[in-house]
């Protein structure tokens, strides 16, 4: 069980290297989305936290700080014994 959780967490952490919303928008741009529409969608995604930017994005009315943004290191922290505290839930999905 522990090995499976660690493996899943490593995969999840790897996914955080690139923002899938930003990747999708870039692909749409490459396939012909007008630049002005791309810019509008990207700015909105940043504003609402889909592409989180500390000091700019807001989620639930809260301005995000760097500490609010999930990072790979957060996910890769050691799994505590018993899986009942901290970030034990990463990799459960």
N, C-alpha and C. Protein backbone atom coordinates (compact mmCIF):
# COMPACT_ATOMS: atom_id res chain seq x y z
N UNK A 1 0.83 -1.19 0.00
CA UNK A 1 0.00 0.00 0.00
C UNK A 1 0.87 1.26 0.00
N UNK A 2 1.90 1.26 0.85
CA UNK A 2 2.77 2.44 0.93
C UNK A 2 3.48 2.67 -0.39
N UNK A 3 3.98 1.62 -1.01
CA UNK A 3 4.67 1.76 -2.28
C UNK A 3 3.73 2.29 -3.36
N UNK A 4 2.51 1.81 -3.36
CA UNK A 4 1.53 2.28 -4.34
C UNK A 4 1.25 3.77 -4.14
N UNK A 5 1.07 4.18 -2.91
CA UNK A 5 0.82 5.59 -2.63
C UNK A 5 2.00 6.45 -3.05
N UNK A 6 3.20 6.00 -2.75
CA UNK A 6 4.38 6.77 -3.14
C UNK A 6 4.48 6.87 -4.65
N UNK A 7 4.20 5.79 -5.35
CA UNK A 7 4.23 5.80 -6.81
C UNK A 7 3.21 6.76 -7.39
N UNK A 8 2.01 6.72 -6.87
CA UNK A 8 0.96 7.64 -7.35
C UNK A 8 1.32 9.10 -7.07
N UNK A 9 1.90 9.33 -5.91
CA UNK A 9 2.30 10.70 -5.56
C UNK A 9 3.40 11.20 -6.49
N UNK A 10 4.32 10.32 -6.87
CA UNK A 10 5.37 10.73 -7.81
C UNK A 10 4.78 11.10 -9.16
N UNK A 11 3.79 10.34 -9.61
CA UNK A 11 3.12 10.65 -10.87
C UNK A 11 2.39 11.99 -10.76
N UNK A 12 1.67 12.19 -9.67
CA UNK A 12 0.94 13.44 -9.46
C UNK A 12 1.90 14.63 -9.42
N UNK A 13 3.02 14.47 -8.74
CA UNK A 13 4.01 15.55 -8.66
C UNK A 13 4.57 15.87 -10.04
N UNK A 14 4.78 14.85 -10.84
CA UNK A 14 5.30 15.05 -12.20
C UNK A 14 4.33 15.88 -13.04
N UNK A 15 3.03 15.64 -12.85
CA UNK A 15 2.01 16.36 -13.60
C UNK A 15 2.06 17.86 -13.30
N UNK A 16 2.49 18.22 -12.09
CA UNK A 16 2.53 19.64 -11.72
C UNK A 16 3.62 20.43 -12.45
N UNK A 17 4.51 19.76 -13.15
CA UNK A 17 5.57 20.48 -13.87
C UNK A 17 5.00 21.43 -14.92
N UNK A 18 3.91 21.03 -15.53
CA UNK A 18 3.25 21.86 -16.53
C UNK A 18 1.78 22.03 -16.16
N UNK A 19 1.27 23.22 -16.32
CA UNK A 19 -0.14 23.47 -16.04
C UNK A 19 -0.97 23.02 -17.23
N UNK A 20 -1.88 22.07 -17.03
CA UNK A 20 -2.65 21.52 -18.15
C UNK A 20 -3.56 22.55 -18.80
N UNK A 21 -4.04 23.52 -18.05
CA UNK A 21 -4.87 24.58 -18.64
C UNK A 21 -4.02 25.40 -19.61
N UNK A 22 -2.83 25.78 -19.17
CA UNK A 22 -1.95 26.56 -20.04
C UNK A 22 -1.52 25.75 -21.27
N UNK A 23 -1.25 24.47 -21.05
CA UNK A 23 -0.88 23.62 -22.19
C UNK A 23 -2.02 23.53 -23.20
N UNK A 24 -3.24 23.41 -22.71
CA UNK A 24 -4.40 23.33 -23.60
C UNK A 24 -4.57 24.62 -24.38
N UNK A 25 -4.44 25.75 -23.69
CA UNK A 25 -4.57 27.04 -24.38
C UNK A 25 -3.49 27.20 -25.45
N UNK A 26 -2.27 26.80 -25.15
CA UNK A 26 -1.19 26.90 -26.14
C UNK A 26 -1.47 26.02 -27.36
N UNK A 27 -2.01 24.83 -27.11
CA UNK A 27 -2.35 23.95 -28.22
C UNK A 27 -3.48 24.55 -29.06
N UNK A 28 -4.46 25.14 -28.39
CA UNK A 28 -5.55 25.81 -29.12
C UNK A 28 -5.00 26.94 -29.97
N UNK A 29 -4.07 27.70 -29.44
CA UNK A 29 -3.43 28.79 -30.19
C UNK A 29 -2.71 28.22 -31.41
N UNK A 30 -1.98 27.14 -31.22
CA UNK A 30 -1.25 26.52 -32.33
C UNK A 30 -2.19 26.01 -33.41
N UNK A 31 -3.41 25.66 -33.01
CA UNK A 31 -4.39 25.14 -33.97
C UNK A 31 -5.30 26.21 -34.54
N UNK A 32 -4.99 27.47 -34.25
CA UNK A 32 -5.73 28.54 -34.92
C UNK A 32 -6.56 29.44 -34.03
N UNK A 33 -6.58 29.24 -32.73
CA UNK A 33 -7.30 30.15 -31.86
C UNK A 33 -6.69 31.55 -32.02
N UNK A 34 -7.50 32.56 -32.25
CA UNK A 34 -6.94 33.91 -32.40
C UNK A 34 -6.19 34.33 -31.13
N UNK A 35 -5.08 35.01 -31.31
CA UNK A 35 -4.21 35.43 -30.20
C UNK A 35 -4.99 36.24 -29.18
N UNK A 36 -5.87 37.12 -29.61
CA UNK A 36 -6.62 37.94 -28.66
C UNK A 36 -7.55 37.10 -27.78
N UNK A 37 -8.12 36.04 -28.36
CA UNK A 37 -8.97 35.14 -27.58
C UNK A 37 -8.10 34.33 -26.61
N UNK A 38 -6.97 33.84 -27.09
CA UNK A 38 -6.02 33.13 -26.23
C UNK A 38 -5.63 34.00 -25.04
N UNK A 39 -5.25 35.24 -25.31
CA UNK A 39 -4.84 36.16 -24.24
C UNK A 39 -5.96 36.36 -23.23
N UNK A 40 -7.18 36.53 -23.73
CA UNK A 40 -8.33 36.74 -22.84
C UNK A 40 -8.55 35.51 -21.95
N UNK A 41 -8.56 34.32 -22.55
CA UNK A 41 -8.77 33.09 -21.79
C UNK A 41 -7.65 32.88 -20.77
N UNK A 42 -6.40 33.13 -21.19
CA UNK A 42 -5.26 32.94 -20.30
C UNK A 42 -5.33 33.89 -19.11
N UNK A 43 -5.64 35.14 -19.36
CA UNK A 43 -5.74 36.13 -18.28
C UNK A 43 -6.85 35.74 -17.30
N UNK A 44 -7.97 35.29 -17.82
CA UNK A 44 -9.06 34.85 -16.94
C UNK A 44 -8.63 33.64 -16.11
N UNK A 45 -7.93 32.68 -16.74
CA UNK A 45 -7.47 31.49 -16.02
C UNK A 45 -6.51 31.87 -14.89
N UNK A 46 -5.67 32.86 -15.13
CA UNK A 46 -4.78 33.34 -14.08
C UNK A 46 -5.58 34.03 -12.98
N UNK A 47 -6.49 34.89 -13.37
CA UNK A 47 -7.28 35.64 -12.38
C UNK A 47 -8.05 34.74 -11.42
N UNK A 48 -8.58 33.62 -11.94
CA UNK A 48 -9.40 32.75 -11.09
C UNK A 48 -8.63 31.56 -10.52
N UNK A 49 -7.32 31.51 -10.77
CA UNK A 49 -6.48 30.50 -10.14
C UNK A 49 -6.33 29.19 -10.87
N UNK A 50 -6.88 29.07 -12.08
CA UNK A 50 -6.66 27.84 -12.84
C UNK A 50 -5.21 27.75 -13.30
N UNK A 51 -4.62 28.90 -13.55
CA UNK A 51 -3.17 29.02 -13.74
C UNK A 51 -2.73 29.89 -12.56
N UNK A 52 -2.38 29.28 -11.44
CA UNK A 52 -2.15 30.06 -10.23
C UNK A 52 -0.88 30.92 -10.28
N UNK A 53 -1.07 32.20 -9.96
CA UNK A 53 0.05 33.14 -9.90
C UNK A 53 -0.06 33.87 -8.57
N UNK A 54 0.96 33.69 -7.74
CA UNK A 54 0.97 34.35 -6.43
C UNK A 54 0.89 35.86 -6.61
N UNK A 55 0.04 36.49 -5.78
CA UNK A 55 -0.12 37.93 -5.82
C UNK A 55 -1.08 38.42 -6.89
N UNK A 56 -1.61 37.52 -7.69
CA UNK A 56 -2.55 37.92 -8.73
C UNK A 56 -3.83 37.09 -8.74
N UNK A 57 -3.68 35.79 -8.65
CA UNK A 57 -4.85 34.90 -8.71
C UNK A 57 -5.65 34.99 -7.42
N UNK A 58 -6.97 34.88 -7.58
CA UNK A 58 -7.87 34.86 -6.42
C UNK A 58 -8.72 33.61 -6.48
N UNK A 59 -8.83 32.93 -5.34
CA UNK A 59 -9.69 31.76 -5.23
C UNK A 59 -10.56 31.98 -4.01
N UNK A 60 -11.86 31.94 -4.23
CA UNK A 60 -12.79 32.19 -3.12
C UNK A 60 -12.60 33.56 -2.52
N UNK A 61 -12.20 34.52 -3.34
CA UNK A 61 -11.99 35.88 -2.86
C UNK A 61 -10.64 36.12 -2.21
N UNK A 62 -9.85 35.07 -2.02
CA UNK A 62 -8.54 35.19 -1.37
C UNK A 62 -7.44 35.34 -2.42
N UNK A 63 -6.61 36.33 -2.25
CA UNK A 63 -5.45 36.52 -3.11
C UNK A 63 -4.41 35.46 -2.75
N UNK A 64 -4.01 34.66 -3.74
CA UNK A 64 -3.08 33.57 -3.48
C UNK A 64 -1.67 34.09 -3.16
N UNK A 65 -1.05 33.42 -2.21
CA UNK A 65 0.36 33.65 -1.93
C UNK A 65 1.12 32.45 -2.46
N UNK A 66 2.43 32.53 -2.48
CA UNK A 66 3.25 31.41 -2.95
C UNK A 66 2.97 30.15 -2.11
N UNK A 67 2.72 30.33 -0.83
CA UNK A 67 2.44 29.18 0.05
C UNK A 67 1.11 28.49 -0.27
N UNK A 68 0.20 29.20 -0.93
CA UNK A 68 -1.10 28.63 -1.27
C UNK A 68 -1.05 27.73 -2.50
N UNK A 69 -0.01 27.86 -3.29
CA UNK A 69 0.08 27.14 -4.56
C UNK A 69 0.73 25.78 -4.33
N UNK A 70 0.03 24.73 -4.72
CA UNK A 70 0.51 23.36 -4.55
C UNK A 70 1.75 23.13 -5.41
N UNK A 71 2.78 22.57 -4.80
CA UNK A 71 4.03 22.29 -5.49
C UNK A 71 4.37 20.81 -5.37
N UNK A 72 5.23 20.34 -6.26
CA UNK A 72 5.64 18.93 -6.25
C UNK A 72 6.22 18.53 -4.89
N UNK A 73 7.00 19.40 -4.28
CA UNK A 73 7.60 19.06 -2.99
C UNK A 73 6.55 18.86 -1.91
N UNK A 74 5.42 19.58 -2.01
CA UNK A 74 4.33 19.37 -1.05
C UNK A 74 3.79 17.94 -1.17
N UNK A 75 3.66 17.48 -2.38
CA UNK A 75 3.11 16.15 -2.62
C UNK A 75 4.10 15.06 -2.24
N UNK A 76 5.37 15.34 -2.42
CA UNK A 76 6.39 14.32 -2.20
C UNK A 76 6.90 14.22 -0.77
N UNK A 77 6.32 15.01 0.14
CA UNK A 77 6.72 14.88 1.54
C UNK A 77 6.48 13.45 2.01
N UNK A 78 7.29 13.01 2.96
CA UNK A 78 7.18 11.64 3.48
C UNK A 78 5.75 11.37 3.99
N UNK A 79 5.27 10.20 3.66
CA UNK A 79 3.93 9.79 4.11
C UNK A 79 4.02 9.43 5.59
N UNK A 80 3.22 10.09 6.44
CA UNK A 80 3.26 9.77 7.87
C UNK A 80 2.67 8.39 8.16
N UNK A 81 3.15 7.78 9.21
CA UNK A 81 2.61 6.49 9.61
C UNK A 81 1.11 6.61 9.90
N UNK A 82 0.36 5.62 9.48
CA UNK A 82 -1.07 5.60 9.75
C UNK A 82 -1.91 6.36 8.76
N UNK A 83 -1.29 7.15 7.91
CA UNK A 83 -2.00 7.89 6.86
C UNK A 83 -3.13 8.77 7.39
N UNK A 84 -2.96 9.34 8.56
CA UNK A 84 -4.07 10.12 9.12
C UNK A 84 -3.78 11.60 9.22
N UNK A 85 -2.55 12.05 8.93
CA UNK A 85 -2.22 13.47 9.10
C UNK A 85 -1.56 14.03 7.85
N UNK A 86 -1.43 15.33 7.86
CA UNK A 86 -0.67 16.06 6.85
C UNK A 86 -1.15 15.74 5.44
N UNK A 87 -0.20 15.34 4.59
CA UNK A 87 -0.52 15.14 3.18
C UNK A 87 -0.67 13.66 2.84
N UNK A 88 -1.14 12.88 3.77
CA UNK A 88 -1.26 11.44 3.56
C UNK A 88 -2.25 11.12 2.45
N UNK A 89 -3.15 12.03 2.15
CA UNK A 89 -4.19 11.73 1.18
C UNK A 89 -3.70 11.77 -0.26
N UNK A 90 -2.56 12.42 -0.54
CA UNK A 90 -2.08 12.46 -1.93
C UNK A 90 -1.84 11.05 -2.43
N UNK A 91 -2.36 10.76 -3.59
CA UNK A 91 -2.19 9.46 -4.18
C UNK A 91 -3.29 8.48 -3.82
N UNK A 92 -4.30 8.94 -3.12
CA UNK A 92 -5.39 8.04 -2.73
C UNK A 92 -6.39 7.88 -3.87
N UNK A 93 -6.47 8.86 -4.77
CA UNK A 93 -7.45 8.85 -5.84
C UNK A 93 -7.24 7.76 -6.81
